[in-house]
N, C-alpha and C. Protein backbone atom coordinates (compact mmCIF):
# COMPACT_ATOMS: atom_id res chain seq x y z
N UNK A 1 64.98 -61.42 -28.76
CA UNK A 1 64.03 -61.14 -27.55
C UNK A 1 62.66 -60.47 -28.06
N UNK A 2 61.65 -61.08 -27.55
CA UNK A 2 60.39 -60.57 -28.25
C UNK A 2 60.14 -59.16 -27.89
N UNK A 3 59.40 -58.47 -28.60
CA UNK A 3 59.01 -57.10 -28.31
C UNK A 3 57.82 -57.08 -27.39
N UNK A 4 58.06 -56.30 -26.54
CA UNK A 4 56.89 -56.19 -25.34
C UNK A 4 55.96 -54.93 -25.81
N UNK A 5 54.67 -55.37 -25.76
CA UNK A 5 53.92 -54.20 -26.25
C UNK A 5 52.89 -53.76 -24.92
N UNK A 6 52.92 -52.46 -24.79
CA UNK A 6 52.16 -51.88 -23.53
C UNK A 6 50.70 -51.05 -24.27
N UNK A 7 49.83 -50.86 -23.47
CA UNK A 7 48.61 -50.03 -23.90
C UNK A 7 49.25 -48.64 -23.53
N UNK A 8 48.82 -47.63 -24.18
CA UNK A 8 49.14 -46.17 -23.97
C UNK A 8 49.09 -45.91 -22.48
N UNK A 9 47.90 -46.53 -21.82
CA UNK A 9 47.57 -46.12 -20.30
C UNK A 9 48.73 -46.77 -19.64
N UNK A 10 49.24 -48.02 -19.84
CA UNK A 10 50.09 -48.70 -19.13
C UNK A 10 51.45 -48.06 -19.17
N UNK A 11 51.75 -47.53 -20.46
CA UNK A 11 53.22 -46.90 -20.53
C UNK A 11 53.01 -45.29 -19.82
N UNK A 12 51.92 -44.74 -20.02
CA UNK A 12 51.83 -43.32 -19.26
C UNK A 12 52.07 -43.58 -17.72
N UNK A 13 51.29 -44.64 -17.08
CA UNK A 13 51.23 -44.93 -15.67
C UNK A 13 52.74 -45.22 -15.30
N UNK A 14 53.53 -45.95 -16.20
CA UNK A 14 54.99 -46.43 -15.82
C UNK A 14 55.70 -45.21 -15.69
N UNK A 15 55.67 -44.22 -16.84
CA UNK A 15 56.40 -43.08 -16.91
C UNK A 15 56.12 -42.20 -15.55
N UNK A 16 54.73 -42.17 -15.25
CA UNK A 16 54.54 -41.18 -14.21
C UNK A 16 54.83 -41.91 -12.95
N UNK A 17 55.08 -43.15 -12.77
CA UNK A 17 55.30 -43.70 -11.45
C UNK A 17 56.59 -43.23 -10.87
N UNK A 18 56.62 -43.07 -9.61
CA UNK A 18 57.66 -42.57 -8.87
C UNK A 18 58.89 -43.60 -8.93
N UNK A 19 60.00 -43.25 -9.02
CA UNK A 19 61.15 -44.06 -9.22
C UNK A 19 62.43 -43.70 -8.39
N UNK A 20 63.02 -44.75 -7.93
CA UNK A 20 64.02 -44.45 -6.84
C UNK A 20 65.26 -45.24 -7.48
N UNK A 21 66.45 -44.95 -6.75
CA UNK A 21 67.58 -45.66 -7.05
C UNK A 21 67.55 -46.97 -6.28
N UNK A 22 68.22 -48.16 -6.71
CA UNK A 22 67.98 -49.26 -5.94
C UNK A 22 69.06 -49.36 -4.96
N UNK A 23 70.18 -48.56 -4.82
CA UNK A 23 71.11 -48.60 -3.78
C UNK A 23 71.93 -47.40 -3.78
N UNK A 24 72.88 -47.09 -3.27
CA UNK A 24 73.73 -45.99 -3.08
C UNK A 24 75.14 -45.97 -3.87
N UNK A 25 75.07 -47.12 -4.74
CA UNK A 25 76.40 -47.11 -5.56
C UNK A 25 76.35 -45.86 -6.41
N UNK A 26 77.67 -45.22 -6.39
CA UNK A 26 78.21 -44.19 -7.30
C UNK A 26 78.38 -44.40 -8.52
N UNK A 27 77.93 -43.86 -9.57
CA UNK A 27 77.88 -44.00 -11.17
C UNK A 27 78.85 -42.89 -11.52
N UNK A 28 79.71 -43.29 -12.44
CA UNK A 28 80.72 -42.00 -13.14
C UNK A 28 79.84 -41.53 -14.33
N UNK A 29 79.75 -40.03 -14.31
CA UNK A 29 78.95 -39.42 -15.32
C UNK A 29 80.07 -38.56 -15.82
N UNK A 30 80.20 -38.37 -17.03
CA UNK A 30 81.12 -37.48 -17.86
C UNK A 30 82.50 -38.02 -18.08
N UNK A 31 82.56 -39.20 -17.96
CA UNK A 31 83.85 -39.64 -18.52
C UNK A 31 83.93 -39.25 -20.14
N UNK A 32 85.09 -39.79 -20.68
CA UNK A 32 85.17 -39.49 -22.03
C UNK A 32 84.21 -39.52 -23.03
N UNK A 33 83.55 -40.82 -22.82
CA UNK A 33 82.26 -41.37 -23.71
C UNK A 33 81.83 -42.71 -23.07
N UNK A 34 80.83 -43.10 -23.77
CA UNK A 34 80.30 -44.49 -23.31
C UNK A 34 78.82 -44.54 -22.79
N UNK A 35 78.44 -45.54 -22.19
CA UNK A 35 77.06 -45.71 -21.77
C UNK A 35 77.07 -46.48 -20.58
N UNK A 36 75.97 -46.27 -19.65
CA UNK A 36 75.85 -46.88 -18.54
C UNK A 36 74.16 -47.09 -18.48
N UNK A 37 73.83 -48.32 -18.01
CA UNK A 37 72.43 -48.54 -17.60
C UNK A 37 72.23 -48.63 -16.02
N UNK A 38 71.49 -47.74 -15.44
CA UNK A 38 71.50 -47.65 -14.09
C UNK A 38 69.95 -48.13 -13.47
N UNK A 39 70.11 -49.27 -12.79
CA UNK A 39 68.86 -49.69 -12.28
C UNK A 39 68.08 -48.99 -11.34
N UNK A 40 66.62 -48.81 -11.67
CA UNK A 40 65.89 -48.03 -10.73
C UNK A 40 64.75 -49.02 -10.33
N UNK A 41 64.04 -48.52 -9.22
CA UNK A 41 62.76 -49.30 -8.75
C UNK A 41 61.70 -48.37 -8.49
N UNK A 42 60.51 -48.98 -8.52
CA UNK A 42 59.29 -48.00 -8.17
C UNK A 42 59.26 -47.99 -6.69
N UNK A 43 58.45 -46.86 -6.20
CA UNK A 43 58.38 -46.61 -4.82
C UNK A 43 57.97 -47.74 -3.90
N UNK A 44 56.85 -48.70 -4.61
CA UNK A 44 56.48 -49.95 -3.85
C UNK A 44 57.15 -50.99 -4.43
N UNK A 45 58.25 -50.92 -5.01
CA UNK A 45 59.17 -51.83 -5.32
C UNK A 45 58.84 -53.02 -6.20
N UNK A 46 57.65 -52.88 -6.78
CA UNK A 46 57.10 -53.84 -7.97
C UNK A 46 57.52 -53.69 -9.16
N UNK A 47 57.91 -52.73 -9.79
CA UNK A 47 58.28 -52.36 -11.00
C UNK A 47 59.95 -52.00 -10.92
N UNK A 48 60.49 -52.53 -11.97
CA UNK A 48 61.97 -52.13 -12.33
C UNK A 48 62.05 -51.36 -13.53
N UNK A 49 63.19 -50.43 -13.34
CA UNK A 49 63.29 -49.61 -14.69
C UNK A 49 64.86 -49.54 -14.67
N UNK A 50 65.16 -48.92 -16.00
CA UNK A 50 66.62 -48.45 -16.04
C UNK A 50 66.78 -47.05 -16.46
N UNK A 51 67.65 -46.43 -16.13
CA UNK A 51 68.09 -45.09 -16.68
C UNK A 51 69.39 -45.38 -17.47
N UNK A 52 69.24 -45.04 -18.88
CA UNK A 52 70.37 -45.26 -19.57
C UNK A 52 71.02 -43.95 -19.82
N UNK A 53 72.30 -43.84 -19.87
CA UNK A 53 73.01 -42.60 -19.99
C UNK A 53 74.20 -42.86 -21.07
N UNK A 54 74.00 -42.35 -22.22
CA UNK A 54 74.87 -42.34 -23.32
C UNK A 54 75.54 -41.22 -23.70
N UNK A 55 76.89 -41.18 -24.00
CA UNK A 55 77.54 -39.87 -24.29
C UNK A 55 78.21 -40.43 -25.57
N UNK A 56 78.40 -39.25 -26.43
CA UNK A 56 79.10 -39.38 -27.77
C UNK A 56 80.54 -39.78 -27.56
N UNK A 57 81.23 -40.59 -28.52
CA UNK A 57 82.57 -40.89 -28.32
C UNK A 57 83.48 -39.63 -29.05
N UNK A 58 83.09 -39.05 -29.93
CA UNK A 58 83.91 -38.10 -30.47
C UNK A 58 83.29 -36.53 -30.07
N UNK A 59 81.91 -36.44 -30.32
CA UNK A 59 81.13 -35.14 -30.01
C UNK A 59 80.72 -35.23 -28.60
N UNK A 60 81.36 -34.74 -27.51
CA UNK A 60 81.00 -35.04 -26.14
C UNK A 60 79.71 -34.08 -25.90
N UNK A 61 79.10 -33.22 -26.78
CA UNK A 61 77.88 -32.68 -26.70
C UNK A 61 76.78 -33.53 -27.27
N UNK A 62 77.02 -34.74 -27.70
CA UNK A 62 76.10 -35.51 -28.24
C UNK A 62 75.65 -36.66 -27.17
N UNK A 63 74.43 -36.92 -26.99
CA UNK A 63 74.04 -37.96 -26.09
C UNK A 63 72.66 -38.43 -26.04
N UNK A 64 72.28 -39.33 -25.41
CA UNK A 64 71.23 -39.92 -25.25
C UNK A 64 70.80 -40.26 -23.72
N UNK A 65 69.56 -39.73 -23.19
CA UNK A 65 69.13 -40.09 -22.04
C UNK A 65 67.89 -40.93 -22.09
N UNK A 66 67.66 -42.15 -21.35
CA UNK A 66 66.65 -42.85 -21.72
C UNK A 66 66.13 -43.42 -20.52
N UNK A 67 64.79 -43.68 -20.24
CA UNK A 67 64.06 -44.34 -19.34
C UNK A 67 63.40 -45.58 -19.77
N UNK A 68 63.82 -46.84 -19.24
CA UNK A 68 63.18 -48.03 -19.80
C UNK A 68 62.38 -48.77 -18.72
N UNK A 69 61.47 -49.43 -18.98
CA UNK A 69 60.66 -50.17 -18.26
C UNK A 69 60.57 -51.94 -18.65
N UNK A 70 60.57 -52.76 -17.87
CA UNK A 70 60.57 -54.16 -18.24
C UNK A 70 61.68 -54.35 -19.12
N UNK A 71 62.77 -53.95 -18.89
CA UNK A 71 64.07 -54.14 -19.46
C UNK A 71 64.15 -53.63 -20.95
N UNK A 72 63.03 -53.81 -21.72
CA UNK A 72 63.23 -53.31 -23.13
C UNK A 72 62.23 -52.28 -23.72
N UNK A 73 61.37 -51.89 -22.87
CA UNK A 73 60.29 -50.86 -23.32
C UNK A 73 60.72 -49.48 -22.98
N UNK A 74 61.03 -48.79 -24.03
CA UNK A 74 61.41 -47.20 -23.96
C UNK A 74 60.39 -46.52 -23.74
N UNK A 75 60.42 -45.92 -22.38
CA UNK A 75 59.20 -45.00 -22.08
C UNK A 75 59.46 -43.58 -22.52
N UNK A 76 60.77 -43.06 -22.42
CA UNK A 76 61.02 -41.80 -22.69
C UNK A 76 62.55 -41.82 -23.12
N UNK A 77 62.98 -40.98 -24.28
CA UNK A 77 64.29 -40.95 -24.67
C UNK A 77 64.51 -39.60 -25.16
N UNK A 78 65.59 -38.84 -24.56
CA UNK A 78 65.97 -37.55 -25.14
C UNK A 78 67.41 -37.60 -25.90
N UNK A 79 67.26 -37.32 -27.04
CA UNK A 79 68.40 -37.25 -27.93
C UNK A 79 68.94 -35.87 -28.15
N UNK A 80 70.10 -35.69 -27.78
CA UNK A 80 70.69 -34.27 -27.98
C UNK A 80 72.05 -34.26 -28.73
N UNK A 81 72.39 -33.16 -29.55
CA UNK A 81 73.74 -32.93 -30.15
C UNK A 81 73.75 -33.67 -31.17
N UNK A 82 72.83 -34.46 -31.84
CA UNK A 82 72.88 -35.07 -33.10
C UNK A 82 71.93 -34.80 -34.19
N UNK A 83 71.91 -35.65 -35.08
CA UNK A 83 71.19 -35.44 -36.29
C UNK A 83 69.44 -35.48 -36.01
N UNK A 84 68.84 -34.53 -36.85
CA UNK A 84 67.50 -34.57 -36.72
C UNK A 84 66.82 -36.11 -36.83
N UNK A 85 65.64 -36.13 -36.29
CA UNK A 85 64.91 -37.29 -36.38
C UNK A 85 63.75 -37.12 -37.38
N UNK A 86 63.46 -38.32 -38.15
CA UNK A 86 62.46 -38.34 -39.23
C UNK A 86 61.30 -39.29 -38.48
N UNK A 87 60.17 -38.66 -38.30
CA UNK A 87 58.84 -39.41 -37.62
C UNK A 87 58.36 -40.37 -38.89
N UNK A 88 57.55 -41.14 -38.26
CA UNK A 88 56.85 -42.15 -39.41
C UNK A 88 56.02 -41.50 -40.41
N UNK A 89 55.55 -40.22 -39.94
CA UNK A 89 54.86 -39.44 -41.04
C UNK A 89 55.55 -38.61 -42.15
N UNK A 90 56.98 -38.72 -41.75
CA UNK A 90 57.86 -37.95 -42.65
C UNK A 90 58.43 -36.69 -42.18
N UNK A 91 57.85 -36.37 -40.84
CA UNK A 91 58.11 -34.79 -40.59
C UNK A 91 59.58 -35.02 -39.81
N UNK A 92 60.42 -34.07 -40.01
CA UNK A 92 61.69 -34.01 -39.49
C UNK A 92 61.61 -33.25 -38.17
N UNK A 93 62.20 -33.75 -37.12
CA UNK A 93 62.25 -32.96 -35.84
C UNK A 93 63.57 -32.72 -35.58
N UNK A 94 64.04 -31.48 -35.47
CA UNK A 94 65.43 -31.12 -35.01
C UNK A 94 65.81 -31.56 -33.77
N UNK A 95 67.06 -31.67 -33.34
CA UNK A 95 67.60 -31.91 -32.09
C UNK A 95 67.45 -30.73 -31.34
N UNK A 96 67.49 -30.82 -29.94
CA UNK A 96 67.16 -31.88 -29.22
C UNK A 96 65.74 -32.51 -29.34
N UNK A 97 65.63 -33.72 -29.28
CA UNK A 97 64.23 -34.14 -29.50
C UNK A 97 63.88 -35.18 -28.54
N UNK A 98 62.46 -35.31 -27.98
CA UNK A 98 62.08 -36.15 -27.14
C UNK A 98 61.17 -37.34 -27.70
N UNK A 99 61.58 -38.57 -27.41
CA UNK A 99 60.78 -39.74 -27.91
C UNK A 99 59.98 -40.05 -26.67
N UNK A 100 58.68 -40.50 -26.86
CA UNK A 100 57.91 -40.90 -25.72
C UNK A 100 57.33 -42.16 -26.43
N UNK A 101 56.92 -43.27 -25.36
CA UNK A 101 56.32 -44.32 -26.02
C UNK A 101 55.03 -44.06 -26.50
N UNK A 102 54.70 -44.47 -27.58
CA UNK A 102 53.53 -44.46 -28.43
C UNK A 102 52.77 -45.75 -28.77
N UNK A 103 51.84 -46.10 -28.26
CA UNK A 103 51.15 -47.49 -28.41
C UNK A 103 51.17 -47.64 -29.99
N UNK A 104 51.55 -49.03 -30.30
CA UNK A 104 51.75 -49.44 -31.70
C UNK A 104 53.04 -48.82 -32.35
N UNK A 105 53.68 -47.91 -31.93
CA UNK A 105 54.72 -47.27 -32.45
C UNK A 105 56.20 -47.40 -31.56
N UNK A 106 55.93 -47.80 -30.40
CA UNK A 106 57.06 -47.67 -29.52
C UNK A 106 57.67 -46.42 -29.41
N UNK A 107 59.07 -46.39 -29.62
CA UNK A 107 59.71 -44.93 -29.46
C UNK A 107 59.95 -44.37 -30.87
N UNK A 108 59.28 -44.70 -31.74
CA UNK A 108 59.65 -44.25 -33.26
C UNK A 108 59.18 -42.84 -33.36
N UNK A 109 58.37 -42.03 -32.50
CA UNK A 109 57.83 -40.77 -32.89
C UNK A 109 58.59 -39.70 -31.91
N UNK A 110 59.05 -38.59 -32.46
CA UNK A 110 59.76 -37.77 -31.58
C UNK A 110 59.02 -36.26 -31.60
N UNK A 111 59.24 -35.32 -30.69
CA UNK A 111 58.98 -34.11 -30.66
C UNK A 111 59.91 -33.28 -29.99
N UNK A 112 59.73 -31.94 -30.15
CA UNK A 112 60.67 -30.95 -29.35
C UNK A 112 60.35 -31.25 -27.89
N UNK A 113 61.30 -31.14 -27.08
CA UNK A 113 61.19 -31.29 -25.49
C UNK A 113 60.03 -30.19 -25.16
N UNK A 114 59.38 -30.35 -24.19
CA UNK A 114 58.47 -29.19 -23.74
C UNK A 114 59.44 -28.21 -23.07
N UNK A 115 59.09 -26.92 -23.47
CA UNK A 115 60.07 -25.82 -23.11
C UNK A 115 59.77 -25.57 -21.38
N UNK A 116 58.56 -25.95 -20.93
CA UNK A 116 58.46 -25.70 -19.49
C UNK A 116 59.02 -26.69 -18.63
N UNK A 117 59.62 -27.91 -19.28
CA UNK A 117 60.33 -28.96 -18.58
C UNK A 117 61.80 -29.08 -18.70
N UNK A 118 62.24 -28.52 -20.13
CA UNK A 118 63.73 -28.56 -20.47
C UNK A 118 64.11 -27.10 -20.72
N UNK A 119 65.16 -26.70 -20.13
CA UNK A 119 65.62 -25.48 -20.55
C UNK A 119 66.42 -25.38 -21.94
N UNK A 120 66.11 -24.52 -22.99
CA UNK A 120 66.86 -24.61 -23.96
C UNK A 120 68.35 -24.04 -23.75
N UNK A 121 69.00 -24.97 -24.46
CA UNK A 121 70.63 -24.50 -24.46
C UNK A 121 71.33 -24.95 -23.11
N UNK A 122 70.49 -25.68 -22.11
CA UNK A 122 71.11 -26.16 -21.05
C UNK A 122 72.32 -27.06 -21.29
N UNK A 123 73.25 -27.20 -20.29
CA UNK A 123 74.37 -28.17 -20.68
C UNK A 123 73.93 -29.48 -20.33
N UNK A 124 74.72 -30.62 -20.79
CA UNK A 124 74.24 -31.89 -20.61
C UNK A 124 73.97 -32.50 -19.24
N UNK A 125 74.73 -31.91 -18.24
CA UNK A 125 74.53 -32.23 -16.85
C UNK A 125 73.08 -31.70 -16.41
N UNK A 126 72.92 -30.54 -16.68
CA UNK A 126 71.43 -29.83 -16.27
C UNK A 126 70.42 -30.59 -16.88
N UNK A 127 70.57 -30.78 -18.35
CA UNK A 127 69.51 -31.63 -19.06
C UNK A 127 69.32 -32.91 -18.25
N UNK A 128 70.28 -33.61 -17.95
CA UNK A 128 70.08 -34.92 -17.24
C UNK A 128 69.22 -34.66 -16.04
N UNK A 129 69.49 -33.76 -15.19
CA UNK A 129 68.79 -33.41 -14.00
C UNK A 129 67.27 -33.20 -14.50
N UNK A 130 66.97 -32.37 -15.47
CA UNK A 130 65.78 -32.03 -16.03
C UNK A 130 64.99 -33.51 -16.60
N UNK A 131 65.90 -34.43 -17.18
CA UNK A 131 65.19 -35.68 -17.87
C UNK A 131 64.81 -36.43 -16.58
N UNK A 132 65.61 -36.63 -15.50
CA UNK A 132 65.14 -37.34 -14.25
C UNK A 132 64.07 -36.91 -13.57
N UNK A 133 63.85 -35.65 -13.59
CA UNK A 133 62.73 -34.99 -13.07
C UNK A 133 61.39 -35.46 -13.94
N UNK A 134 61.62 -35.31 -15.19
CA UNK A 134 60.49 -35.59 -16.24
C UNK A 134 59.92 -36.93 -16.19
N UNK A 135 60.94 -37.90 -15.74
CA UNK A 135 60.73 -39.29 -15.74
C UNK A 135 60.34 -39.72 -14.35
N UNK A 136 60.18 -38.64 -13.33
CA UNK A 136 59.67 -38.92 -11.86
C UNK A 136 60.65 -39.72 -11.17
N UNK A 137 61.97 -39.51 -11.37
CA UNK A 137 62.93 -40.30 -10.68
C UNK A 137 63.21 -39.28 -9.46
N UNK A 138 62.41 -39.67 -8.32
CA UNK A 138 62.39 -38.67 -7.12
C UNK A 138 63.67 -38.98 -6.33
N UNK A 139 64.11 -40.37 -6.31
CA UNK A 139 65.44 -40.56 -5.71
C UNK A 139 66.47 -40.98 -6.53
N UNK A 140 67.13 -39.83 -7.31
CA UNK A 140 68.04 -40.25 -8.51
C UNK A 140 69.20 -41.19 -7.84
N UNK A 141 69.95 -41.72 -8.97
CA UNK A 141 71.20 -42.33 -8.43
C UNK A 141 72.13 -41.32 -8.10
N UNK A 142 73.23 -41.85 -7.43
CA UNK A 142 74.60 -41.01 -7.16
C UNK A 142 75.19 -40.89 -8.40
N UNK A 143 75.42 -39.67 -8.74
CA UNK A 143 76.24 -39.55 -9.96
C UNK A 143 77.47 -38.70 -9.49
N UNK A 144 78.60 -39.34 -10.01
CA UNK A 144 80.07 -38.53 -9.87
C UNK A 144 80.17 -37.78 -10.97
N UNK A 145 80.00 -36.29 -10.89
CA UNK A 145 80.30 -35.53 -12.24
C UNK A 145 81.84 -35.63 -12.45
N UNK A 146 82.36 -36.07 -13.68
CA UNK A 146 83.62 -36.14 -14.09
C UNK A 146 84.18 -34.89 -14.59
N UNK A 147 85.44 -34.93 -15.01
CA UNK A 147 86.07 -33.91 -15.81
C UNK A 147 85.27 -33.19 -16.95
N UNK A 148 84.80 -34.05 -17.68
CA UNK A 148 84.08 -33.60 -18.98
C UNK A 148 82.68 -33.64 -18.99
N UNK A 149 82.01 -33.55 -17.70
CA UNK A 149 80.72 -33.48 -17.46
C UNK A 149 80.15 -32.01 -17.58
């Protein structure tokens, strides 16, 4: 699959765009492990997005929340409970860390999540709620919180 390149302005506009669930399907959150890609749509229904939720198989405190546009472009990704990330300049960023699309680099740069948007020490469920607000998912998918969420 060919890599899709966006300008920084395009990526910023897509991240800021209001996003809605496409239907009322209930999605399981918090099973023992695994991942799910939940379809989203812009308010004007012209752009399609995906919300990826991935949970660790052994360490249930480890996971990734990701918002993609145009199937393959990662606009934002929050990694938590895992190893630090090394940026292209060699700087090591401890977890949790937030990757935002950067023109010419995709999602290869990370930084600490902004403290005014993500509560330090929040559990995985609350962090997901914060991530959806960060990505402007104003009508989030219906998530059924499981036993291990």
